[in-house]
C-alpha atoms as a PDB file:
ATOM      1  CA  MET A   1      -3.344   8.026 -11.727  1.00  0.00           C
ATOM      2  CA  ILE A   2      -0.738   8.192  -8.977  1.00  0.00           C
ATOM      3  CA  GLN A   3       2.768   7.922 -10.291  1.00  0.00           C
ATOM      4  CA  LEU A   4       5.479   6.725  -7.864  1.00  0.00           C
ATOM      5  CA  LYS A   5       8.473   8.570  -9.113  1.00  0.00           C
ATOM      6  CA  THR A   6      10.679   9.136  -6.056  1.00  0.00           C
ATOM      7  CA  SER A   7      11.075   7.671  -2.610  1.00  0.00           C
ATOM      8  CA  SER A   8      10.257  11.059  -1.063  1.00  0.00           C
ATOM      9  CA  ARG A   9       6.877  11.303  -2.898  1.00  0.00           C
ATOM     10  CA  HIS A  10       3.948  11.799  -0.642  1.00  0.00           C
ATOM     11  CA  TYR A  11       0.383  13.055  -1.024  1.00  0.00           C
ATOM     12  CA  THR A  12      -1.043  15.994   0.769  1.00  0.00           C
ATOM     13  CA  GLU A  13      -4.335  16.463  -1.047  1.00  0.00           C
ATOM     14  CA  HIS A  14      -5.992  14.662   1.915  1.00  0.00           C
ATOM     15  CA  PRO A  15      -5.374  15.049   5.635  1.00  0.00           C
ATOM     16  CA  MET A  16      -3.693  11.634   5.501  1.00  0.00           C
ATOM     17  CA  LYS A  17      -0.039  11.750   4.260  1.00  0.00           C
ATOM     18  CA  ILE A  18       1.089   8.688   2.319  1.00  0.00           C
ATOM     19  CA  LYS A  19       4.769   7.834   1.911  1.00  0.00           C
ATOM     20  CA  PHE A  20       6.639   4.872   0.383  1.00  0.00           C
ATOM     21  CA  ILE A  21       9.894   3.310   1.499  1.00  0.00           C
ATOM     22  CA  ASN A  22      12.556   2.257  -1.036  1.00  0.00           C
ATOM     23  CA  GLN A  23      11.788  -1.459  -0.683  1.00  0.00           C
ATOM     24  CA  PHE A  24       8.210  -0.740  -1.694  1.00  0.00           C
ATOM     25  CA  HIS A  25       9.413   1.168  -4.822  1.00  0.00           C
ATOM     26  CA  LYS A  26      11.670  -1.767  -5.852  1.00  0.00           C
ATOM     27  CA  GLN A  27       8.781  -4.259  -5.560  1.00  0.00           C
ATOM     28  CA  PHE A  28       6.319  -1.911  -7.191  1.00  0.00           C
ATOM     29  CA  TYR A  29       8.317  -1.298 -10.297  1.00  0.00           C
ATOM     30  CA  LYS A  30       8.827  -5.079 -10.859  1.00  0.00           C
ATOM     31  CA  LEU A  31       5.070  -5.472 -11.052  1.00  0.00           C
ATOM     32  CA  PRO A  32       3.308  -5.664 -14.450  1.00  0.00           C
ATOM     33  CA  LYS A  33       1.866  -2.253 -15.510  1.00  0.00           C
ATOM     34  CA  LYS A  34      -1.652  -3.549 -14.967  1.00  0.00           C
ATOM     35  CA  GLN A  35      -0.966  -4.274 -11.348  1.00  0.00           C
ATOM     36  CA  GLN A  36       0.715  -0.880 -10.908  1.00  0.00           C
ATOM     37  CA  GLN A  37      -2.483   0.712 -12.237  1.00  0.00           C
ATOM     38  CA  GLN A  38      -4.563  -1.420  -9.909  1.00  0.00           C
ATOM     39  CA  PHE A  39      -2.517  -0.184  -6.993  1.00  0.00           C
ATOM     40  CA  ASP A  40      -3.090   3.449  -8.130  1.00  0.00           C
ATOM     41  CA  GLU A  41      -6.752   2.797  -8.170  1.00  0.00           C
ATOM     42  CA  ARG A  42      -6.808   1.100  -4.767  1.00  0.00           C
ATOM     43  CA  ILE A  43      -4.743   3.781  -3.088  1.00  0.00           C
ATOM     44  CA  LEU A  44      -7.153   6.409  -4.235  1.00  0.00           C
ATOM     45  CA  LEU A  45     -10.025   4.364  -2.751  1.00  0.00           C
ATOM     46  CA  PHE A  46      -7.991   3.842   0.440  1.00  0.00           C
ATOM     47  CA  VAL A  47      -7.524   7.653   0.825  1.00  0.00           C
ATOM     48  CA  ARG A  48     -11.277   8.195   0.308  1.00  0.00           C
ATOM     49  CA  ASP A  49     -12.622   5.333   2.338  1.00  0.00           C
ATOM     50  CA  LYS A  50     -10.251   2.896   4.016  1.00  0.00           C
ATOM     51  CA  ALA A  51     -13.214   0.973   5.375  1.00  0.00           C
ATOM     52  CA  ASN A  52     -14.400   0.016   1.882  1.00  0.00           C
ATOM     53  CA  PRO A  53     -14.861  -3.800   1.869  1.00  0.00           C
ATOM     54  CA  VAL A  54     -13.051  -4.088  -1.444  1.00  0.00           C
ATOM     55  CA  LEU A  55      -9.806  -3.219   0.314  1.00  0.00           C
ATOM     56  CA  ARG A  56     -10.004  -5.873   2.950  1.00  0.00           C
ATOM     57  CA  PHE A  57      -8.121  -3.486   5.234  1.00  0.00           C
ATOM     58  CA  HIS A  58      -6.889  -5.320   8.342  1.00  0.00           C
ATOM     59  CA  PRO A  59      -4.027  -5.346  10.906  1.00  0.00           C
ATOM     60  CA  LEU A  60      -1.525  -8.074  10.671  1.00  0.00           C
ATOM     61  CA  LYS A  61      -0.124 -10.417  13.329  1.00  0.00           C
ATOM     62  CA  GLY A  62       3.050 -12.425  13.885  1.00  0.00           C
ATOM     63  CA  MET A  63       6.148 -11.165  12.100  1.00  0.00           C
ATOM     64  CA  TYR A  64       4.176  -8.309  10.624  1.00  0.00           C
ATOM     65  CA  ALA A  65       2.588  -7.118  13.894  1.00  0.00           C
ATOM     66  CA  GLY A  66       2.130  -3.412  13.655  1.00  0.00           C
ATOM     67  CA  TYR A  67       1.553  -3.536   9.889  1.00  0.00           C
ATOM     68  CA  TYR A  68      -1.722  -3.410   8.000  1.00  0.00           C
ATOM     69  CA  SER A  69      -2.720  -4.935   4.693  1.00  0.00           C
ATOM     70  CA  ILE A  70      -4.974  -3.880   1.818  1.00  0.00           C
ATOM     71  CA  ASN A  71      -6.004  -6.010  -1.100  1.00  0.00           C
ATOM     72  CA  ILE A  72      -4.884  -4.704  -4.481  1.00  0.00           C
ATOM     73  CA  SER A  73      -6.149  -7.515  -6.766  1.00  0.00           C
ATOM     74  CA  GLY A  74      -6.658 -11.143  -6.441  1.00  0.00           C
ATOM     75  CA  ASP A  75      -3.536 -12.308  -4.629  1.00  0.00           C
ATOM     76  CA  LEU A  76      -1.704  -8.957  -4.595  1.00  0.00           C
ATOM     77  CA  ARG A  77      -1.387  -7.179  -1.198  1.00  0.00           C
ATOM     78  CA  ALA A  78       0.166  -3.912  -0.083  1.00  0.00           C
ATOM     79  CA  LEU A  79       1.501  -3.697   3.466  1.00  0.00           C
ATOM     80  CA  PHE A  80       1.962  -0.502   5.378  1.00  0.00           C
ATOM     81  CA  TYR A  81       2.424   0.856   8.864  1.00  0.00           C
ATOM     82  CA  LYS A  82       1.256   4.035  10.550  1.00  0.00           C
ATOM     83  CA  GLU A  83       3.382   6.841  11.822  1.00  0.00           C
ATOM     84  CA  GLY A  84       0.973   8.651  14.137  1.00  0.00           C
ATOM     85  CA  GLU A  85      -2.593   9.167  13.116  1.00  0.00           C
ATOM     86  CA  LYS A  86      -2.143  10.952   9.823  1.00  0.00           C
ATOM     87  CA  VAL A  87       0.961   9.288   8.209  1.00  0.00           C
ATOM     88  CA  VAL A  88       0.751   5.960   6.345  1.00  0.00           C
ATOM     89  CA  ILE A  89       3.937   4.379   5.082  1.00  0.00           C
ATOM     90  CA  PHE A  90       3.720   1.699   2.458  1.00  0.00           C
ATOM     91  CA  ALA A  91       6.581  -0.827   3.010  1.00  0.00           C
ATOM     92  CA  LEU A  92       5.867  -3.903   0.901  1.00  0.00           C
ATOM     93  CA  ILE A  93       3.806  -5.049  -2.123  1.00  0.00           C
ATOM     94  CA  GLY A  94       3.554  -8.573  -3.475  1.00  0.00           C
ATOM     95  CA  THR A  95       1.532 -11.766  -3.631  1.00  0.00           C
ATOM     96  CA  HIS A  96       0.422 -13.522  -0.551  1.00  0.00           C
ATOM     97  CA  SER A  97       3.098 -16.181  -0.891  1.00  0.00           C
ATOM     98  CA  GLN A  98       5.807 -13.547  -1.574  1.00  0.00           C
ATOM     99  CA  LEU A  99       4.905 -11.610   1.577  1.00  0.00           C
ATOM    100  CA  TYR A 100       3.930 -14.376   3.960  1.00  0.00           C
ATOM    101  CA  GLY A 101       6.115 -17.184   2.551  1.00  0.00           C
END
């Protein structure tokens, strides 16, 4: 299980480096434990196979142009952007209505 303890936490077990901004941490820790665990499971899947259809990985448009979304569970989404080819920075997590208003 991935534990998000500090804002500087990143993962180097894979060629892809994953980081989290402070806003993501604030939103993440407000989620119920079950949804935090679902995120942990999905990020492991994302690292192994970002094309897995369960993730519904896709680029965003409009005010989130340059960001990407993955499905965590039901209505919960995690948004991230890329910094080069090997760094992914998770910026936001929330329901569809929380994120897209």
